[in-house]
Amino acid sequence: MTKKEISGGTVHDLPADLKKALTADSKALGVWETLTPLARNEWICWTIYVKQQKTRDEHVSRVISELKEGMRRPCCWIGCIHRKDKKISPSIQGILDKRSKSKKYS
């Protein structure tokens, strides 16, 4: 029997911790495989974008639970800013600019 590869995203490879969590939950994995590559990419980016390991662990856990709840994309996520094949929309650029200004003054 051959082991099936788990699908990744458009820009990001599937990180080991998220792959392990998906492999451990067949329902979440089933939903994962029905997502578009772009939607999977957003989940991956949302997971790896954080800086602290504790937050990343929470995001991995939330990916599994939210997929099982029927969510197809991360809630309130601005989308992957790492894509080089597509220009960032003006609305997303505005959000990023606002975030960078607030970090300068905090």
PDB file of N, CA and C in Angstrom:
ATOM      1  N   MET A   1       0.841  -1.168   0.000  1.00  0.00           N
ATOM      2  CA  MET A   1       0.000   0.000   0.000  1.00  0.00           C
ATOM      3  C   MET A   1       0.893   1.240   0.000  1.00  0.00           C
ATOM      4  N   THR A   2       0.568   2.219  -0.837  1.00  0.00           N
ATOM      5  CA  THR A   2       1.341   3.446  -0.888  1.00  0.00           C
ATOM      6  C   THR A   2       0.684   4.511  -0.031  1.00  0.00           C
ATOM      7  N   LYS A   3       1.501   5.338   0.539  1.00  0.00           N
ATOM      8  CA  LYS A   3       1.013   6.408   1.402  1.00  0.00           C
ATOM      9  C   LYS A   3       0.698   7.622   0.533  1.00  0.00           C
ATOM     10  N   LYS A   4      -0.516   8.151   0.630  1.00  0.00           N
ATOM     11  CA  LYS A   4      -0.935   9.302  -0.163  1.00  0.00           C
ATOM     12  C   LYS A   4      -0.315  10.575   0.409  1.00  0.00           C
ATOM     13  N   GLU A   5       0.180  11.410  -0.481  1.00  0.00           N
ATOM     14  CA  GLU A   5       0.712  12.708  -0.060  1.00  0.00           C
ATOM     15  C   GLU A   5      -0.447  13.628   0.309  1.00  0.00           C
ATOM     16  N   ILE A   6      -0.211  14.478   1.284  1.00  0.00           N
ATOM     17  CA  ILE A   6      -1.201  15.484   1.657  1.00  0.00           C
ATOM     18  C   ILE A   6      -0.934  16.719   0.814  1.00  0.00           C
ATOM     19  N   SER A   7      -1.984  17.274   0.254  1.00  0.00           N
ATOM     20  CA  SER A   7      -1.856  18.439  -0.622  1.00  0.00           C
ATOM     21  C   SER A   7      -1.383  19.661   0.153  1.00  0.00           C
ATOM     22  N   GLY A   8      -0.568  20.473  -0.507  1.00  0.00           N
ATOM     23  CA  GLY A   8      -0.059  21.708   0.081  1.00  0.00           C
ATOM     24  C   GLY A   8      -0.754  22.925  -0.497  1.00  0.00           C
ATOM     25  N   GLY A   9      -0.082  24.057  -0.423  1.00  0.00           N
ATOM     26  CA  GLY A   9      -0.646  25.312  -0.916  1.00  0.00           C
ATOM     27  C   GLY A   9      -0.030  25.727  -2.228  1.00  0.00           C
ATOM     28  N   THR A  10      -0.283  26.967  -2.620  1.00  0.00           N
ATOM     29  CA  THR A  10       0.240  27.486  -3.873  1.00  0.00           C
ATOM     30  C   THR A  10       1.647  28.047  -3.714  1.00  0.00           C
ATOM     31  N   VAL A  11       1.940  28.593  -2.573  1.00  0.00           N
ATOM     32  CA  VAL A  11       3.245  29.202  -2.316  1.00  0.00           C
ATOM     33  C   VAL A  11       3.994  28.444  -1.226  1.00  0.00           C
ATOM     34  N   HIS A  12       3.274  28.055  -0.194  1.00  0.00           N
ATOM     35  CA  HIS A  12       3.890  27.425   0.964  1.00  0.00           C
ATOM     36  C   HIS A  12       3.777  25.907   0.918  1.00  0.00           C
ATOM     37  N   ASP A  13       4.846  25.242   1.345  1.00  0.00           N
ATOM     38  CA  ASP A  13       4.807  23.799   1.551  1.00  0.00           C
ATOM     39  C   ASP A  13       4.100  23.532   2.866  1.00  0.00           C
ATOM     40  N   LEU A  14       3.534  22.366   2.983  1.00  0.00           N
ATOM     41  CA  LEU A  14       2.849  21.972   4.203  1.00  0.00           C
ATOM     42  C   LEU A  14       3.880  21.744   5.308  1.00  0.00           C
ATOM     43  N   PRO A  15       3.840  22.527   6.406  1.00  0.00           N
ATOM     44  CA  PRO A  15       4.810  22.349   7.484  1.00  0.00           C
ATOM     45  C   PRO A  15       4.560  21.038   8.239  1.00  0.00           C
ATOM     46  N   ALA A  16       5.599  20.501   8.824  1.00  0.00           N
ATOM     47  CA  ALA A  16       5.548  19.194   9.482  1.00  0.00           C
ATOM     48  C   ALA A  16       4.516  19.150  10.607  1.00  0.00           C
ATOM     49  N   ASP A  17       4.414  20.216  11.412  1.00  0.00           N
ATOM     50  CA  ASP A  17       3.472  20.188  12.530  1.00  0.00           C
ATOM     51  C   ASP A  17       2.021  20.165  12.062  1.00  0.00           C
ATOM     52  N   LEU A  18       1.716  20.895  11.002  1.00  0.00           N
ATOM     53  CA  LEU A  18       0.363  20.889  10.462  1.00  0.00           C
ATOM     54  C   LEU A  18       0.073  19.560   9.761  1.00  0.00           C
ATOM     55  N   LYS A  19       1.063  19.035   9.072  1.00  0.00           N
ATOM     56  CA  LYS A  19       0.897  17.738   8.415  1.00  0.00           C
ATOM     57  C   LYS A  19       0.608  16.644   9.445  1.00  0.00           C
ATOM     58  N   LYS A  20       1.335  16.672  10.547  1.00  0.00           N
ATOM     59  CA  LYS A  20       1.140  15.685  11.610  1.00  0.00           C
ATOM     60  C   LYS A  20      -0.273  15.784  12.184  1.00  0.00           C
ATOM     61  N   ALA A  21      -0.735  17.013  12.417  1.00  0.00           N
ATOM     62  CA  ALA A  21      -2.072  17.212  12.975  1.00  0.00           C
ATOM     63  C   ALA A  21      -3.154  16.748  11.995  1.00  0.00           C
ATOM     64  N   LEU A  22      -2.975  17.031  10.723  1.00  0.00           N
ATOM     65  CA  LEU A  22      -3.948  16.591   9.723  1.00  0.00           C
ATOM     66  C   LEU A  22      -3.964  15.070   9.596  1.00  0.00           C
ATOM     67  N   THR A  23      -2.790  14.470   9.628  1.00  0.00           N
ATOM     68  CA  THR A  23      -2.682  13.019   9.527  1.00  0.00           C
ATOM     69  C   THR A  23      -3.372  12.335  10.701  1.00  0.00           C
ATOM     70  N   ALA A  24      -3.356  12.977  11.850  1.00  0.00           N
ATOM     71  CA  ALA A  24      -3.942  12.396  13.067  1.00  0.00           C
ATOM     72  C   ALA A  24      -5.462  12.531  13.121  1.00  0.00           C
ATOM     73  N   ASP A  25      -6.051  13.320  12.223  1.00  0.00           N
ATOM     74  CA  ASP A  25      -7.498  13.532  12.261  1.00  0.00           C
ATOM     75  C   ASP A  25      -8.080  13.339  10.859  1.00  0.00           C
ATOM     76  N   SER A  26      -8.687  12.197  10.634  1.00  0.00           N
ATOM     77  CA  SER A  26      -9.160  11.860   9.284  1.00  0.00           C
ATOM     78  C   SER A  26     -10.269  12.791   8.796  1.00  0.00           C
ATOM     79  N   LYS A  27     -11.114  13.278   9.702  1.00  0.00           N
ATOM     80  CA  LYS A  27     -12.181  14.193   9.281  1.00  0.00           C
ATOM     81  C   LYS A  27     -11.591  15.518   8.792  1.00  0.00           C
ATOM     82  N   ALA A  28     -10.668  16.081   9.558  1.00  0.00           N
ATOM     83  CA  ALA A  28     -10.027  17.336   9.151  1.00  0.00           C
ATOM     84  C   ALA A  28      -9.248  17.139   7.848  1.00  0.00           C
ATOM     85  N   LEU A  29      -8.563  16.003   7.733  1.00  0.00           N
ATOM     86  CA  LEU A  29      -7.800  15.720   6.510  1.00  0.00           C
ATOM     87  C   LEU A  29      -8.731  15.616   5.310  1.00  0.00           C
ATOM     88  N   GLY A  30      -9.888  14.996   5.502  1.00  0.00           N
ATOM     89  CA  GLY A  30     -10.855  14.888   4.408  1.00  0.00           C
ATOM     90  C   GLY A  30     -11.310  16.249   3.917  1.00  0.00           C
ATOM     91  N   VAL A  31     -11.576  17.167   4.853  1.00  0.00           N
ATOM     92  CA  VAL A  31     -11.965  18.526   4.472  1.00  0.00           C
ATOM     93  C   VAL A  31     -10.789  19.231   3.799  1.00  0.00           C
ATOM     94  N   TRP A  32      -9.597  19.076   4.360  1.00  0.00           N
ATOM     95  CA  TRP A  32      -8.385  19.694   3.806  1.00  0.00           C
ATOM     96  C   TRP A  32      -8.229  19.365   2.325  1.00  0.00           C
ATOM     97  N   GLU A  33      -8.444  18.116   1.991  1.00  0.00           N
ATOM     98  CA  GLU A  33      -8.247  17.674   0.610  1.00  0.00           C
ATOM     99  C   GLU A  33      -9.320  18.202  -0.340  1.00  0.00           C
ATOM    100  N   THR A  34     -10.436  18.723   0.193  1.00  0.00           N
ATOM    101  CA  THR A  34     -11.462  19.310  -0.671  1.00  0.00           C
ATOM    102  C   THR A  34     -11.232  20.803  -0.915  1.00  0.00           C
ATOM    103  N   LEU A  35     -10.288  21.396  -0.177  1.00  0.00           N
ATOM    104  CA  LEU A  35     -10.012  22.825  -0.327  1.00  0.00           C
ATOM    105  C   LEU A  35      -9.238  23.090  -1.609  1.00  0.00           C
ATOM    106  N   THR A  36      -9.377  24.297  -2.123  1.00  0.00           N
ATOM    107  CA  THR A  36      -8.561  24.703  -3.266  1.00  0.00           C
ATOM    108  C   THR A  36      -7.121  24.898  -2.792  1.00  0.00           C
ATOM    109  N   PRO A  37      -6.152  24.814  -3.695  1.00  0.00           N
ATOM    110  CA  PRO A  37      -4.764  25.075  -3.293  1.00  0.00           C
ATOM    111  C   PRO A  37      -4.594  26.458  -2.659  1.00  0.00           C
ATOM    112  N   LEU A  38      -5.323  27.445  -3.136  1.00  0.00           N
ATOM    113  CA  LEU A  38      -5.214  28.788  -2.568  1.00  0.00           C
ATOM    114  C   LEU A  38      -5.756  28.832  -1.139  1.00  0.00           C
ATOM    115  N   ALA A  39      -6.866  28.143  -0.887  1.00  0.00           N
ATOM    116  CA  ALA A  39      -7.412  28.100   0.474  1.00  0.00           C
ATOM    117  C   ALA A  39      -6.454  27.361   1.406  1.00  0.00           C
ATOM    118  N   ARG A  40      -5.876  26.243   0.934  1.00  0.00           N
ATOM    119  CA  ARG A  40      -4.893  25.534   1.762  1.00  0.00           C
ATOM    120  C   ARG A  40      -3.701  26.437   2.042  1.00  0.00           C
ATOM    121  N   ASN A  41      -3.289  27.195   1.049  1.00  0.00           N
ATOM    122  CA  ASN A  41      -2.162  28.108   1.220  1.00  0.00           C
ATOM    123  C   ASN A  41      -2.452  29.139   2.308  1.00  0.00           C
ATOM    124  N   GLU A  42      -3.684  29.643   2.358  1.00  0.00           N
ATOM    125  CA  GLU A  42      -4.031  30.630   3.380  1.00  0.00           C
ATOM    126  C   GLU A  42      -3.976  30.022   4.772  1.00  0.00           C
ATOM    127  N   TRP A  43      -4.464  28.780   4.926  1.00  0.00           N
ATOM    128  CA  TRP A  43      -4.356  28.113   6.224  1.00  0.00           C
ATOM    129  C   TRP A  43      -2.891  27.937   6.619  1.00  0.00           C
ATOM    130  N   ILE A  44      -2.059  27.513   5.667  1.00  0.00           N
ATOM    131  CA  ILE A  44      -0.634  27.308   5.964  1.00  0.00           C
ATOM    132  C   ILE A  44       0.008  28.634   6.364  1.00  0.00           C
ATOM    133  N   CYS A  45      -0.236  29.667   5.571  1.00  0.00           N
ATOM    134  CA  CYS A  45       0.362  30.974   5.853  1.00  0.00           C
ATOM    135  C   CYS A  45      -0.108  31.495   7.207  1.00  0.00           C
ATOM    136  N   TRP A  46      -1.392  31.344   7.502  1.00  0.00           N
ATOM    137  CA  TRP A  46      -1.943  31.782   8.787  1.00  0.00           C
ATOM    138  C   TRP A  46      -1.254  31.053   9.940  1.00  0.00           C
ATOM    139  N   THR A  47      -0.889  29.801   9.710  1.00  0.00           N
ATOM    140  CA  THR A  47      -0.235  28.992  10.740  1.00  0.00           C
ATOM    141  C   THR A  47       1.219  29.399  10.942  1.00  0.00           C
ATOM    142  N   ILE A  48       1.949  29.647   9.867  1.00  0.00           N
ATOM    143  CA  ILE A  48       3.388  29.901   9.979  1.00  0.00           C
ATOM    144  C   ILE A  48       3.731  31.376  10.168  1.00  0.00           C
ATOM    145  N   TYR A  49       2.769  32.256   9.978  1.00  0.00           N
ATOM    146  CA  TYR A  49       3.004  33.690  10.045  1.00  0.00           C
ATOM    147  C   TYR A  49       3.309  34.181  11.457  1.00  0.00           C
ATOM    148  N   VAL A  50       2.855  33.455  12.459  1.00  0.00           N
ATOM    149  CA  VAL A  50       3.020  33.882  13.854  1.00  0.00           C
ATOM    150  C   VAL A  50       4.469  33.716  14.301  1.00  0.00           C
ATOM    151  N   LYS A  51       4.838  34.421  15.346  1.00  0.00           N
ATOM    152  CA  LYS A  51       6.227  34.414  15.791  1.00  0.00           C
ATOM    153  C   LYS A  51       6.507  33.463  16.950  1.00  0.00           C
ATOM    154  N   GLN A  52       5.560  33.304  17.848  1.00  0.00           N
ATOM    155  CA  GLN A  52       5.794  32.489  19.036  1.00  0.00           C
ATOM    156  C   GLN A  52       5.296  31.055  18.825  1.00  0.00           C
ATOM    157  N   GLN A  53       6.057  30.095  19.338  1.00  0.00           N
ATOM    158  CA  GLN A  53       5.700  28.689  19.182  1.00  0.00           C
ATOM    159  C   GLN A  53       4.348  28.377  19.816  1.00  0.00           C
ATOM    160  N   LYS A  54       4.064  28.992  20.957  1.00  0.00           N
ATOM    161  CA  LYS A  54       2.778  28.759  21.627  1.00  0.00           C
ATOM    162  C   LYS A  54       1.620  29.161  20.717  1.00  0.00           C
ATOM    163  N   THR A  55       1.745  30.310  20.076  1.00  0.00           N
ATOM    164  CA  THR A  55       0.701  30.778  19.165  1.00  0.00           C
ATOM    165  C   THR A  55       0.597  29.866  17.951  1.00  0.00           C
ATOM    166  N   ARG A  56       1.736  29.421  17.460  1.00  0.00           N
ATOM    167  CA  ARG A  56       1.710  28.515  16.312  1.00  0.00           C
ATOM    168  C   ARG A  56       0.997  27.207  16.671  1.00  0.00           C
ATOM    169  N   ASP A  57       1.306  26.669  17.841  1.00  0.00           N
ATOM    170  CA  ASP A  57       0.639  25.446  18.285  1.00  0.00           C
ATOM    171  C   ASP A  57      -0.874  25.654  18.365  1.00  0.00           C
ATOM    172  N   GLU A  58      -1.287  26.820  18.850  1.00  0.00           N
ATOM    173  CA  GLU A  58      -2.713  27.139  18.920  1.00  0.00           C
ATOM    174  C   GLU A  58      -3.319  27.220  17.523  1.00  0.00           C
ATOM    175  N   HIS A  59      -2.591  27.802  16.583  1.00  0.00           N
ATOM    176  CA  HIS A  59      -3.093  27.916  15.215  1.00  0.00           C
ATOM    177  C   HIS A  59      -3.233  26.538  14.570  1.00  0.00           C
ATOM    178  N   VAL A  60      -2.270  25.671  14.783  1.00  0.00           N
ATOM    179  CA  VAL A  60      -2.355  24.312  14.226  1.00  0.00           C
ATOM    180  C   VAL A  60      -3.595  23.622  14.778  1.00  0.00           C
ATOM    181  N   SER A  61      -3.809  23.738  16.062  1.00  0.00           N
ATOM    182  CA  SER A  61      -4.977  23.134  16.695  1.00  0.00           C
ATOM    183  C   SER A  61      -6.263  23.726  16.138  1.00  0.00           C
ATOM    184  N   ARG A  62      -6.278  25.032  15.940  1.00  0.00           N
ATOM    185  CA  ARG A  62      -7.471  25.692  15.407  1.00  0.00           C
ATOM    186  C   ARG A  62      -7.732  25.298  13.964  1.00  0.00           C
ATOM    187  N   VAL A  63      -6.702  25.079  13.174  1.00  0.00           N
ATOM    188  CA  VAL A  63      -6.910  24.629  11.791  1.00  0.00           C
ATOM    189  C   VAL A  63      -7.743  23.354  11.812  1.00  0.00           C
ATOM    190  N   ILE A  64      -7.342  22.412  12.650  1.00  0.00           N
ATOM    191  CA  ILE A  64      -8.039  21.127  12.720  1.00  0.00           C
ATOM    192  C   ILE A  64      -9.484  21.323  13.171  1.00  0.00           C
ATOM    193  N   SER A  65      -9.690  22.040  14.263  1.00  0.00           N
ATOM    194  CA  SER A  65     -11.049  22.203  14.782  1.00  0.00           C
ATOM    195  C   SER A  65     -11.924  23.019  13.828  1.00  0.00           C
ATOM    196  N   GLU A  66     -11.373  24.047  13.218  1.00  0.00           N
ATOM    197  CA  GLU A  66     -12.182  24.888  12.339  1.00  0.00           C
ATOM    198  C   GLU A  66     -12.500  24.191  11.017  1.00  0.00           C
ATOM    199  N   LEU A  67     -11.593  23.367  10.510  1.00  0.00           N
ATOM    200  CA  LEU A  67     -11.913  22.575   9.328  1.00  0.00           C
ATOM    201  C   LEU A  67     -13.080  21.640   9.631  1.00  0.00           C
ATOM    202  N   LYS A  68     -13.041  21.028  10.802  1.00  0.00           N
ATOM    203  CA  LYS A  68     -14.108  20.097  11.185  1.00  0.00           C
ATOM    204  C   LYS A  68     -15.434  20.814  11.422  1.00  0.00           C
ATOM    205  N   GLU A  69     -15.371  22.103  11.728  1.00  0.00           N
ATOM    206  CA  GLU A  69     -16.587  22.906  11.900  1.00  0.00           C
ATOM    207  C   GLU A  69     -17.120  23.413  10.568  1.00  0.00           C
ATOM    208  N   GLY A  70     -16.379  23.178   9.495  1.00  0.00           N
ATOM    209  CA  GLY A  70     -16.839  23.574   8.167  1.00  0.00           C
ATOM    210  C   GLY A  70     -16.199  24.824   7.594  1.00  0.00           C
ATOM    211  N   MET A  71     -15.274  25.440   8.329  1.00  0.00           N
ATOM    212  CA  MET A  71     -14.603  26.627   7.799  1.00  0.00           C
ATOM    213  C   MET A  71     -13.672  26.218   6.659  1.00  0.00           C
ATOM    214  N   ARG A  72     -13.668  27.003   5.607  1.00  0.00           N
ATOM    215  CA  ARG A  72     -12.853  26.677   4.446  1.00  0.00           C
ATOM    216  C   ARG A  72     -11.645  27.609   4.310  1.00  0.00           C
ATOM    217  N   ARG A  73     -11.647  28.707   5.056  1.00  0.00           N
ATOM    218  CA  ARG A  73     -10.520  29.647   5.082  1.00  0.00           C
ATOM    219  C   ARG A  73     -10.404  30.222   6.487  1.00  0.00           C
ATOM    220  N   PRO A  74      -9.213  30.677   6.856  1.00  0.00           N
ATOM    221  CA  PRO A  74      -9.064  31.279   8.188  1.00  0.00           C
ATOM    222  C   PRO A  74      -9.909  32.543   8.313  1.00  0.00           C
ATOM    223  N   CYS A  75     -10.599  32.673   9.411  1.00  0.00           N
ATOM    224  CA  CYS A  75     -11.449  33.836   9.651  1.00  0.00           C
ATOM    225  C   CYS A  75     -10.587  35.083   9.866  1.00  0.00           C
ATOM    226  N   CYS A  76     -10.987  36.152   9.268  1.00  0.00           N
ATOM    227  CA  CYS A  76     -10.336  37.459   9.473  1.00  0.00           C
ATOM    228  C   CYS A  76      -8.876  37.482   9.023  1.00  0.00           C
ATOM    229  N   TRP A  77      -8.476  36.574   8.164  1.00  0.00           N
ATOM    230  CA  TRP A  77      -7.104  36.537   7.665  1.00  0.00           C
ATOM    231  C   TRP A  77      -7.034  37.354   6.398  1.00  0.00           C
ATOM    232  N   ILE A  78      -6.054  38.224   6.292  1.00  0.00           N
ATOM    233  CA  ILE A  78      -5.961  39.113   5.138  1.00  0.00           C
ATOM    234  C   ILE A  78      -5.469  38.398   3.888  1.00  0.00           C
ATOM    235  N   GLY A  79      -5.091  37.166   4.025  1.00  0.00           N
ATOM    236  CA  GLY A  79      -4.576  36.432   2.878  1.00  0.00           C
ATOM    237  C   GLY A  79      -3.066  36.390   2.907  1.00  0.00           C
ATOM    238  N   CYS A  80      -2.515  35.503   2.145  1.00  0.00           N
ATOM    239  CA  CYS A  80      -1.072  35.319   2.124  1.00  0.00           C
ATOM    240  C   CYS A  80      -0.382  36.497   1.450  1.00  0.00           C
ATOM    241  N   ILE A  81       0.469  37.156   2.195  1.00  0.00           N
ATOM    242  CA  ILE A  81       1.208  38.299   1.641  1.00  0.00           C
ATOM    243  C   ILE A  81       2.507  37.852   0.977  1.00  0.00           C
ATOM    244  N   HIS A  82       2.758  36.542   0.977  1.00  0.00           N
ATOM    245  CA  HIS A  82       3.985  36.023   0.405  1.00  0.00           C
ATOM    246  C   HIS A  82       3.864  35.691  -1.079  1.00  0.00           C
ATOM    247  N   ARG A  83       2.655  35.769  -1.626  1.00  0.00           N
ATOM    248  CA  ARG A  83       2.466  35.440  -3.042  1.00  0.00           C
ATOM    249  C   ARG A  83       3.153  36.484  -3.903  1.00  0.00           C
ATOM    250  N   LYS A  84       3.954  36.026  -4.837  1.00  0.00           N
ATOM    251  CA  LYS A  84       4.671  36.937  -5.725  1.00  0.00           C
ATOM    252  C   LYS A  84       4.025  36.988  -7.110  1.00  0.00           C
ATOM    253  N   ASP A  85       3.048  36.092  -7.348  1.00  0.00           N
ATOM    254  CA  ASP A  85       2.399  36.034  -8.649  1.00  0.00           C
ATOM    255  C   ASP A  85       1.241  37.017  -8.774  1.00  0.00           C
ATOM    256  N   LYS A  86       0.930  37.713  -7.696  1.00  0.00           N
ATOM    257  CA  LYS A  86      -0.224  38.587  -7.688  1.00  0.00           C
ATOM    258  C   LYS A  86       0.085  39.808  -6.826  1.00  0.00           C
ATOM    259  N   LYS A  87      -0.222  40.974  -7.331  1.00  0.00           N
ATOM    260  CA  LYS A  87      -0.008  42.209  -6.579  1.00  0.00           C
ATOM    261  C   LYS A  87      -0.972  42.271  -5.389  1.00  0.00           C
ATOM    262  N   ILE A  88      -0.487  42.794  -4.275  1.00  0.00           N
ATOM    263  CA  ILE A  88      -1.332  42.973  -3.090  1.00  0.00           C
ATOM    264  C   ILE A  88      -2.382  44.025  -3.409  1.00  0.00           C
ATOM    265  N   SER A  89      -3.623  43.722  -3.065  1.00  0.00           N
ATOM    266  CA  SER A  89      -4.711  44.660  -3.350  1.00  0.00           C
ATOM    267  C   SER A  89      -4.549  45.920  -2.507  1.00  0.00           C
ATOM    268  N   PRO A  90      -5.110  47.046  -2.972  1.00  0.00           N
ATOM    269  CA  PRO A  90      -5.014  48.289  -2.195  1.00  0.00           C
ATOM    270  C   PRO A  90      -5.578  48.162  -0.784  1.00  0.00           C
ATOM    271  N   SER A  91      -6.666  47.409  -0.626  1.00  0.00           N
ATOM    272  CA  SER A  91      -7.252  47.276   0.717  1.00  0.00           C
ATOM    273  C   SER A  91      -6.318  46.508   1.650  1.00  0.00           C
ATOM    274  N   ILE A  92      -5.682  45.454   1.154  1.00  0.00           N
ATOM    275  CA  ILE A  92      -4.734  44.693   1.968  1.00  0.00           C
ATOM    276  C   ILE A  92      -3.500  45.534   2.251  1.00  0.00           C
ATOM    277  N   GLN A  93      -3.021  46.289   1.267  1.00  0.00           N
ATOM    278  CA  GLN A  93      -1.856  47.152   1.481  1.00  0.00           C
ATOM    279  C   GLN A  93      -2.161  48.178   2.566  1.00  0.00           C
ATOM    280  N   GLY A  94      -3.386  48.702   2.579  1.00  0.00           N
ATOM    281  CA  GLY A  94      -3.784  49.646   3.624  1.00  0.00           C
ATOM    282  C   GLY A  94      -3.726  49.031   5.012  1.00  0.00           C
ATOM    283  N   ILE A  95      -4.173  47.786   5.117  1.00  0.00           N
ATOM    284  CA  ILE A  95      -4.122  47.079   6.398  1.00  0.00           C
ATOM    285  C   ILE A  95      -2.670  46.879   6.827  1.00  0.00           C
ATOM    286  N   LEU A  96      -1.822  46.456   5.900  1.00  0.00           N
ATOM    287  CA  LEU A  96      -0.411  46.235   6.225  1.00  0.00           C
ATOM    288  C   LEU A  96       0.271  47.538   6.631  1.00  0.00           C
ATOM    289  N   ASP A  97      -0.039  48.621   5.928  1.00  0.00           N
ATOM    290  CA  ASP A  97       0.534  49.926   6.279  1.00  0.00           C
ATOM    291  C   ASP A  97       0.091  50.352   7.677  1.00  0.00           C
ATOM    292  N   LYS A  98      -1.177  50.148   7.979  1.00  0.00           N
ATOM    293  CA  LYS A  98      -1.705  50.517   9.293  1.00  0.00           C
ATOM    294  C   LYS A  98      -1.029  49.703  10.387  1.00  0.00           C
ATOM    295  N   ARG A  99      -0.835  48.409  10.128  1.00  0.00           N
ATOM    296  CA  ARG A  99      -0.162  47.556  11.109  1.00  0.00           C
ATOM    297  C   ARG A  99       1.273  48.007  11.346  1.00  0.00           C
ATOM    298  N   SER A 100       1.985  48.346  10.271  1.00  0.00           N
ATOM    299  CA  SER A 100       3.386  48.735  10.440  1.00  0.00           C
ATOM    300  C   SER A 100       3.501  50.058  11.192  1.00  0.00           C
ATOM    301  N   LYS A 101       2.566  50.980  10.980  1.00  0.00           N
ATOM    302  CA  LYS A 101       2.580  52.247  11.717  1.00  0.00           C
ATOM    303  C   LYS A 101       2.296  52.027  13.193  1.00  0.00           C
ATOM    304  N   SER A 102       1.349  51.136  13.511  1.00  0.00           N
ATOM    305  CA  SER A 102       1.009  50.911  14.917  1.00  0.00           C
ATOM    306  C   SER A 102       2.150  50.218  15.651  1.00  0.00           C
ATOM    307  N   LYS A 103       2.936  49.407  14.967  1.00  0.00           N
ATOM    308  CA  LYS A 103       4.082  48.744  15.605  1.00  0.00           C
ATOM    309  C   LYS A 103       5.203  49.752  15.894  1.00  0.00           C
ATOM    310  N   LYS A 104       5.327  50.788  15.062  1.00  0.00           N
ATOM    311  CA  LYS A 104       6.363  51.793  15.265  1.00  0.00           C
ATOM    312  C   LYS A 104       6.123  52.596  16.547  1.00  0.00           C
ATOM    313  N   TYR A 105       4.854  52.774  16.893  1.00  0.00           N
ATOM    314  CA  TYR A 105       4.525  53.630  18.020  1.00  0.00           C
ATOM    315  C   TYR A 105       4.135  52.872  19.274  1.00  0.00           C
ATOM    316  N   SER A 106       4.254  51.558  19.252  1.00  0.00           N
ATOM    317  CA  SER A 106       3.855  50.819  20.455  1.00  0.00           C
ATOM    318  C   SER A 106       5.040  50.494  21.339  1.00  0.00           C
TER     319      SER A 106
END
